[in-house]
Amino acid sequence: ASPDKDLGILVAPGNLVETMLATVRV
């Protein structure tokens, strides 16, 4: 969570799980 590791995005709660799973796949 240091500044250089923050992806710089905001995600609505309803999209949180899909976004985290997509990040794992990437």
PDB file of all heavy atoms in Angstrom:
ATOM      1  N   ALA A   1       0.805  -1.220   0.000  1.00  0.00           N
ATOM      2  CA  ALA A   1       0.000   0.000   0.000  1.00  0.00           C
ATOM      3  C   ALA A   1       0.840   1.273   0.000  1.00  0.00           C
ATOM      4  O   ALA A   1       0.329   2.348   0.280  1.00  0.00           O
ATOM      5  CB  ALA A   1      -0.934   0.006   1.211  1.00  0.00           C
ATOM      6  N   SER A   2       2.129   1.180  -0.306  1.00  0.00           N
ATOM      7  CA  SER A   2       2.917   2.399  -0.442  1.00  0.00           C
ATOM      8  C   SER A   2       2.460   3.121  -1.706  1.00  0.00           C
ATOM      9  O   SER A   2       1.849   2.516  -2.593  1.00  0.00           O
ATOM     10  CB  SER A   2       4.410   2.068  -0.512  1.00  0.00           C
ATOM     11  OG  SER A   2       4.668   1.179  -1.579  1.00  0.00           O
ATOM     12  N   PRO A   3       2.706   4.426  -1.828  1.00  0.00           N
ATOM     13  CA  PRO A   3       2.152   5.195  -2.945  1.00  0.00           C
ATOM     14  C   PRO A   3       2.462   4.614  -4.317  1.00  0.00           C
ATOM     15  O   PRO A   3       1.637   4.666  -5.221  1.00  0.00           O
ATOM     16  CB  PRO A   3       2.792   6.572  -2.761  1.00  0.00           C
ATOM     17  CG  PRO A   3       3.054   6.668  -1.294  1.00  0.00           C
ATOM     18  CD  PRO A   3       3.428   5.278  -0.869  1.00  0.00           C
ATOM     19  N   ASP A   4       3.642   4.022  -4.505  1.00  0.00           N
ATOM     20  CA  ASP A   4       3.992   3.511  -5.832  1.00  0.00           C
ATOM     21  C   ASP A   4       3.301   2.189  -6.146  1.00  0.00           C
ATOM     22  O   ASP A   4       3.372   1.713  -7.278  1.00  0.00           O
ATOM     23  CB  ASP A   4       5.513   3.342  -5.953  1.00  0.00           C
ATOM     24  CG  ASP A   4       6.071   2.383  -4.915  1.00  0.00           C
ATOM     25  OD1 ASP A   4       5.489   2.291  -3.832  1.00  0.00           O
ATOM     26  OD2 ASP A   4       7.089   1.730  -5.211  1.00  0.00           O
ATOM     27  N   LYS A   5       2.635   1.573  -5.171  1.00  0.00           N
ATOM     28  CA  LYS A   5       1.910   0.321  -5.414  1.00  0.00           C
ATOM     29  C   LYS A   5       0.402   0.547  -5.560  1.00  0.00           C
ATOM     30  O   LYS A   5      -0.324  -0.368  -5.908  1.00  0.00           O
ATOM     31  CB  LYS A   5       2.163  -0.665  -4.265  1.00  0.00           C
ATOM     32  CG  LYS A   5       3.636  -0.938  -3.985  1.00  0.00           C
ATOM     33  CD  LYS A   5       4.313  -1.645  -5.123  1.00  0.00           C
ATOM     34  CE  LYS A   5       5.797  -1.863  -4.836  1.00  0.00           C
ATOM     35  NZ  LYS A   5       6.023  -2.739  -3.677  1.00  0.00           N
ATOM     36  N   ASP A   6      -0.071   1.753  -5.253  1.00  0.00           N
ATOM     37  CA  ASP A   6      -1.488   2.089  -5.404  1.00  0.00           C
ATOM     38  C   ASP A   6      -1.789   2.189  -6.899  1.00  0.00           C
ATOM     39  O   ASP A   6      -1.109   2.901  -7.636  1.00  0.00           O
ATOM     40  CB  ASP A   6      -1.768   3.416  -4.699  1.00  0.00           C
ATOM     41  CG  ASP A   6      -3.254   3.689  -4.558  1.00  0.00           C
ATOM     42  OD1 ASP A   6      -3.986   3.451  -5.537  1.00  0.00           O
ATOM     43  OD2 ASP A   6      -3.683   4.140  -3.486  1.00  0.00           O
ATOM     44  N   LEU A   7      -2.825   1.470  -7.345  1.00  0.00           N
ATOM     45  CA  LEU A   7      -3.145   1.492  -8.771  1.00  0.00           C
ATOM     46  C   LEU A   7      -3.806   2.785  -9.218  1.00  0.00           C
ATOM     47  O   LEU A   7      -3.984   3.008 -10.410  1.00  0.00           O
ATOM     48  CB  LEU A   7      -4.048   0.294  -9.116  1.00  0.00           C
ATOM     49  CG  LEU A   7      -3.383  -1.080  -9.012  1.00  0.00           C
ATOM     50  CD1 LEU A   7      -4.377  -2.181  -9.349  1.00  0.00           C
ATOM     51  CD2 LEU A   7      -2.166  -1.164  -9.929  1.00  0.00           C
ATOM     52  N   GLY A   8      -4.188   3.650  -8.263  1.00  0.00           N
ATOM     53  CA  GLY A   8      -4.759   4.935  -8.631  1.00  0.00           C
ATOM     54  C   GLY A   8      -6.161   4.843  -9.192  1.00  0.00           C
ATOM     55  O   GLY A   8      -6.546   5.624 -10.076  1.00  0.00           O
ATOM     56  N   ILE A   9      -6.939   3.897  -8.696  1.00  0.00           N
ATOM     57  CA  ILE A   9      -8.308   3.732  -9.174  1.00  0.00           C
ATOM     58  C   ILE A   9      -9.268   3.700  -8.008  1.00  0.00           C
ATOM     59  O   ILE A   9      -8.908   3.342  -6.882  1.00  0.00           O
ATOM     60  CB  ILE A   9      -8.476   2.437 -10.013  1.00  0.00           C
ATOM     61  CG1 ILE A   9      -8.057   1.212  -9.193  1.00  0.00           C
ATOM     62  CG2 ILE A   9      -7.687   2.525 -11.308  1.00  0.00           C
ATOM     63  CD1 ILE A   9      -8.258  -0.105  -9.902  1.00  0.00           C
ATOM     64  N   LEU A  10     -10.505   4.105  -8.270  1.00  0.00           N
ATOM     65  CA  LEU A  10     -11.607   3.947  -7.329  1.00  0.00           C
ATOM     66  C   LEU A  10     -12.592   2.948  -7.909  1.00  0.00           C
ATOM     67  O   LEU A  10     -12.855   2.956  -9.122  1.00  0.00           O
ATOM     68  CB  LEU A  10     -12.317   5.278  -7.097  1.00  0.00           C
ATOM     69  CG  LEU A  10     -11.583   6.332  -6.262  1.00  0.00           C
ATOM     70  CD1 LEU A  10     -12.413   7.599  -6.208  1.00  0.00           C
ATOM     71  CD2 LEU A  10     -11.318   5.812  -4.860  1.00  0.00           C
ATOM     72  N   VAL A  11     -13.153   2.097  -7.024  1.00  0.00           N
ATOM     73  CA  VAL A  11     -14.104   1.077  -7.454  1.00  0.00           C
ATOM     74  C   VAL A  11     -15.327   1.152  -6.563  1.00  0.00           C
ATOM     75  O   VAL A  11     -15.211   1.212  -5.333  1.00  0.00           O
ATOM     76  CB  VAL A  11     -13.467  -0.332  -7.362  1.00  0.00           C
ATOM     77  CG1 VAL A  11     -14.472  -1.395  -7.763  1.00  0.00           C
ATOM     78  CG2 VAL A  11     -12.224  -0.417  -8.226  1.00  0.00           C
ATOM     79  N   ALA A  12     -16.511   1.149  -7.154  1.00  0.00           N
ATOM     80  CA  ALA A  12     -17.745   1.136  -6.383  1.00  0.00           C
ATOM     81  C   ALA A  12     -17.871  -0.199  -5.644  1.00  0.00           C
ATOM     82  O   ALA A  12     -17.403  -1.236  -6.138  1.00  0.00           O
ATOM     83  CB  ALA A  12     -18.944   1.339  -7.295  1.00  0.00           C
ATOM     84  N   PRO A  13     -18.477  -0.206  -4.443  1.00  0.00           N
ATOM     85  CA  PRO A  13     -18.591  -1.463  -3.683  1.00  0.00           C
ATOM     86  C   PRO A  13     -19.182  -2.613  -4.484  1.00  0.00           C
ATOM     87  O   PRO A  13     -18.722  -3.754  -4.351  1.00  0.00           O
ATOM     88  CB  PRO A  13     -19.491  -1.063  -2.513  1.00  0.00           C
ATOM     89  CG  PRO A  13     -19.190   0.384  -2.289  1.00  0.00           C
ATOM     90  CD  PRO A  13     -18.997   0.954  -3.668  1.00  0.00           C
ATOM     91  N   GLY A  14     -20.166  -2.339  -5.315  1.00  0.00           N
ATOM     92  CA  GLY A  14     -20.783  -3.402  -6.091  1.00  0.00           C
ATOM     93  C   GLY A  14     -19.876  -4.031  -7.124  1.00  0.00           C
ATOM     94  O   GLY A  14     -20.151  -5.129  -7.618  1.00  0.00           O
ATOM     95  N   ASN A  15     -18.778  -3.349  -7.468  1.00  0.00           N
ATOM     96  CA  ASN A  15     -17.824  -3.872  -8.446  1.00  0.00           C
ATOM     97  C   ASN A  15     -16.536  -4.384  -7.792  1.00  0.00           C
ATOM     98  O   ASN A  15     -15.595  -4.761  -8.498  1.00  0.00           O
ATOM     99  CB  ASN A  15     -17.453  -2.779  -9.454  1.00  0.00           C
ATOM    100  CG  ASN A  15     -18.642  -2.326 -10.283  1.00  0.00           C
ATOM    101  OD1 ASN A  15     -19.495  -3.130 -10.628  1.00  0.00           O
ATOM    102  ND2 ASN A  15     -18.704  -1.038 -10.594  1.00  0.00           N
ATOM    103  N   LEU A  16     -16.495  -4.386  -6.455  1.00  0.00           N
ATOM    104  CA  LEU A  16     -15.249  -4.693  -5.766  1.00  0.00           C
ATOM    105  C   LEU A  16     -14.758  -6.111  -6.051  1.00  0.00           C
ATOM    106  O   LEU A  16     -13.592  -6.321  -6.404  1.00  0.00           O
ATOM    107  CB  LEU A  16     -15.426  -4.498  -4.256  1.00  0.00           C
ATOM    108  CG  LEU A  16     -14.223  -4.879  -3.396  1.00  0.00           C
ATOM    109  CD1 LEU A  16     -13.016  -4.013  -3.742  1.00  0.00           C
ATOM    110  CD2 LEU A  16     -14.564  -4.771  -1.916  1.00  0.00           C
ATOM    111  N   VAL A  17     -15.611  -7.109  -5.870  1.00  0.00           N
ATOM    112  CA  VAL A  17     -15.174  -8.496  -6.013  1.00  0.00           C
ATOM    113  C   VAL A  17     -14.685  -8.771  -7.432  1.00  0.00           C
ATOM    114  O   VAL A  17     -13.617  -9.372  -7.637  1.00  0.00           O
ATOM    115  CB  VAL A  17     -16.307  -9.463  -5.621  1.00  0.00           C
ATOM    116  CG1 VAL A  17     -15.926 -10.906  -5.976  1.00  0.00           C
ATOM    117  CG2 VAL A  17     -16.600  -9.351  -4.130  1.00  0.00           C
ATOM    118  N   GLU A  18     -15.451  -8.326  -8.443  1.00  0.00           N
ATOM    119  CA  GLU A  18     -15.040  -8.577  -9.821  1.00  0.00           C
ATOM    120  C   GLU A  18     -13.716  -7.886 -10.138  1.00  0.00           C
ATOM    121  O   GLU A  18     -12.875  -8.427 -10.857  1.00  0.00           O
ATOM    122  CB  GLU A  18     -16.129  -8.099 -10.794  1.00  0.00           C
ATOM    123  CG  GLU A  18     -17.433  -8.878 -10.713  1.00  0.00           C
ATOM    124  CD  GLU A  18     -17.258 -10.367 -11.002  1.00  0.00           C
ATOM    125  OE1 GLU A  18     -16.282 -10.733 -11.695  1.00  0.00           O
ATOM    126  OE2 GLU A  18     -18.096 -11.158 -10.538  1.00  0.00           O
ATOM    127  N   THR A  19     -13.512  -6.687  -9.577  1.00  0.00           N
ATOM    128  CA  THR A  19     -12.265  -5.961  -9.833  1.00  0.00           C
ATOM    129  C   THR A  19     -11.083  -6.669  -9.193  1.00  0.00           C
ATOM    130  O   THR A  19     -10.009  -6.789  -9.789  1.00  0.00           O
ATOM    131  CB  THR A  19     -12.363  -4.523  -9.301  1.00  0.00           C
ATOM    132  OG1 THR A  19     -13.445  -3.853  -9.948  1.00  0.00           O
ATOM    133  CG2 THR A  19     -11.070  -3.765  -9.554  1.00  0.00           C
ATOM    134  N   MET A  20     -11.255  -7.168  -7.965  1.00  0.00           N
ATOM    135  CA  MET A  20     -10.151  -7.857  -7.304  1.00  0.00           C
ATOM    136  C   MET A  20      -9.834  -9.173  -8.000  1.00  0.00           C
ATOM    137  O   MET A  20      -8.653  -9.533  -8.157  1.00  0.00           O
ATOM    138  CB  MET A  20     -10.478  -8.070  -5.827  1.00  0.00           C
ATOM    139  CG  MET A  20     -10.625  -6.762  -5.064  1.00  0.00           C
ATOM    140  SD  MET A  20     -10.684  -6.961  -3.273  1.00  0.00           S
ATOM    141  CE  MET A  20      -8.939  -7.126  -2.869  1.00  0.00           C
ATOM    142  N   LEU A  21     -10.840  -9.896  -8.447  1.00  0.00           N
ATOM    143  CA  LEU A  21     -10.586 -11.125  -9.190  1.00  0.00           C
ATOM    144  C   LEU A  21      -9.872 -10.826 -10.506  1.00  0.00           C
ATOM    145  O   LEU A  21      -8.951 -11.551 -10.910  1.00  0.00           O
ATOM    146  CB  LEU A  21     -11.899 -11.858  -9.455  1.00  0.00           C
ATOM    147  CG  LEU A  21     -12.577 -12.486  -8.237  1.00  0.00           C
ATOM    148  CD1 LEU A  21     -13.965 -13.001  -8.601  1.00  0.00           C
ATOM    149  CD2 LEU A  21     -11.732 -13.621  -7.663  1.00  0.00           C
ATOM    150  N   ALA A  22     -10.276  -9.759 -11.173  1.00  0.00           N
ATOM    151  CA  ALA A  22      -9.612  -9.375 -12.422  1.00  0.00           C
ATOM    152  C   ALA A  22      -8.155  -9.005 -12.171  1.00  0.00           C
ATOM    153  O   ALA A  22      -7.267  -9.327 -12.975  1.00  0.00           O
ATOM    154  CB  ALA A  22     -10.351  -8.217 -13.070  1.00  0.00           C
ATOM    155  N   THR A  23      -7.890  -8.348 -11.047  1.00  0.00           N
ATOM    156  CA  THR A  23      -6.512  -7.979 -10.704  1.00  0.00           C
ATOM    157  C   THR A  23      -5.668  -9.216 -10.466  1.00  0.00           C
ATOM    158  O   THR A  23      -4.498  -9.273 -10.866  1.00  0.00           O
ATOM    159  CB  THR A  23      -6.486  -7.065  -9.462  1.00  0.00           C
ATOM    160  OG1 THR A  23      -7.372  -5.960  -9.659  1.00  0.00           O
ATOM    161  CG2 THR A  23      -5.087  -6.534  -9.208  1.00  0.00           C
ATOM    162  N   VAL A  24      -6.251 -10.231  -9.814  1.00  0.00           N
ATOM    163  CA  VAL A  24      -5.538 -11.498  -9.616  1.00  0.00           C
ATOM    164  C   VAL A  24      -5.190 -12.118 -10.966  1.00  0.00           C
ATOM    165  O   VAL A  24      -4.060 -12.591 -11.185  1.00  0.00           O
ATOM    166  CB  VAL A  24      -6.385 -12.475  -8.779  1.00  0.00           C
ATOM    167  CG1 VAL A  24      -5.721 -13.860  -8.730  1.00  0.00           C
ATOM    168  CG2 VAL A  24      -6.575 -11.951  -7.367  1.00  0.00           C
ATOM    169  N   ARG A  25      -6.135 -12.115 -11.893  1.00  0.00           N
ATOM    170  CA  ARG A  25      -5.878 -12.717 -13.209  1.00  0.00           C
ATOM    171  C   ARG A  25      -4.786 -11.957 -13.962  1.00  0.00           C
ATOM    172  O   ARG A  25      -3.922 -12.563 -14.604  1.00  0.00           O
ATOM    173  CB  ARG A  25      -7.173 -12.742 -14.025  1.00  0.00           C
ATOM    174  CG  ARG A  25      -8.258 -13.644 -13.443  1.00  0.00           C
ATOM    175  CD  ARG A  25      -9.371 -13.906 -14.447  1.00  0.00           C
ATOM    176  NE  ARG A  25     -10.067 -12.700 -14.860  1.00  0.00           N
ATOM    177  CZ  ARG A  25     -11.132 -12.184 -14.261  1.00  0.00           C
ATOM    178  NH1 ARG A  25     -11.608 -12.769 -13.158  1.00  0.00           N
ATOM    179  NH2 ARG A  25     -11.718 -11.094 -14.723  1.00  0.00           N
ATOM    180  N   VAL A  26      -4.807 -10.628 -13.879  1.00  0.00           N
ATOM    181  CA  VAL A  26      -3.784  -9.826 -14.556  1.00  0.00           C
ATOM    182  C   VAL A  26      -2.408 -10.126 -13.970  1.00  0.00           C
ATOM    183  O   VAL A  26      -1.428 -10.321 -14.700  1.00  0.00           O
ATOM    184  CB  VAL A  26      -4.112  -8.327 -14.455  1.00  0.00           C
ATOM    185  CG1 VAL A  26      -2.933  -7.480 -14.923  1.00  0.00           C
ATOM    186  CG2 VAL A  26      -5.352  -8.000 -15.272  1.00  0.00           C
TER     187      VAL A  26
END
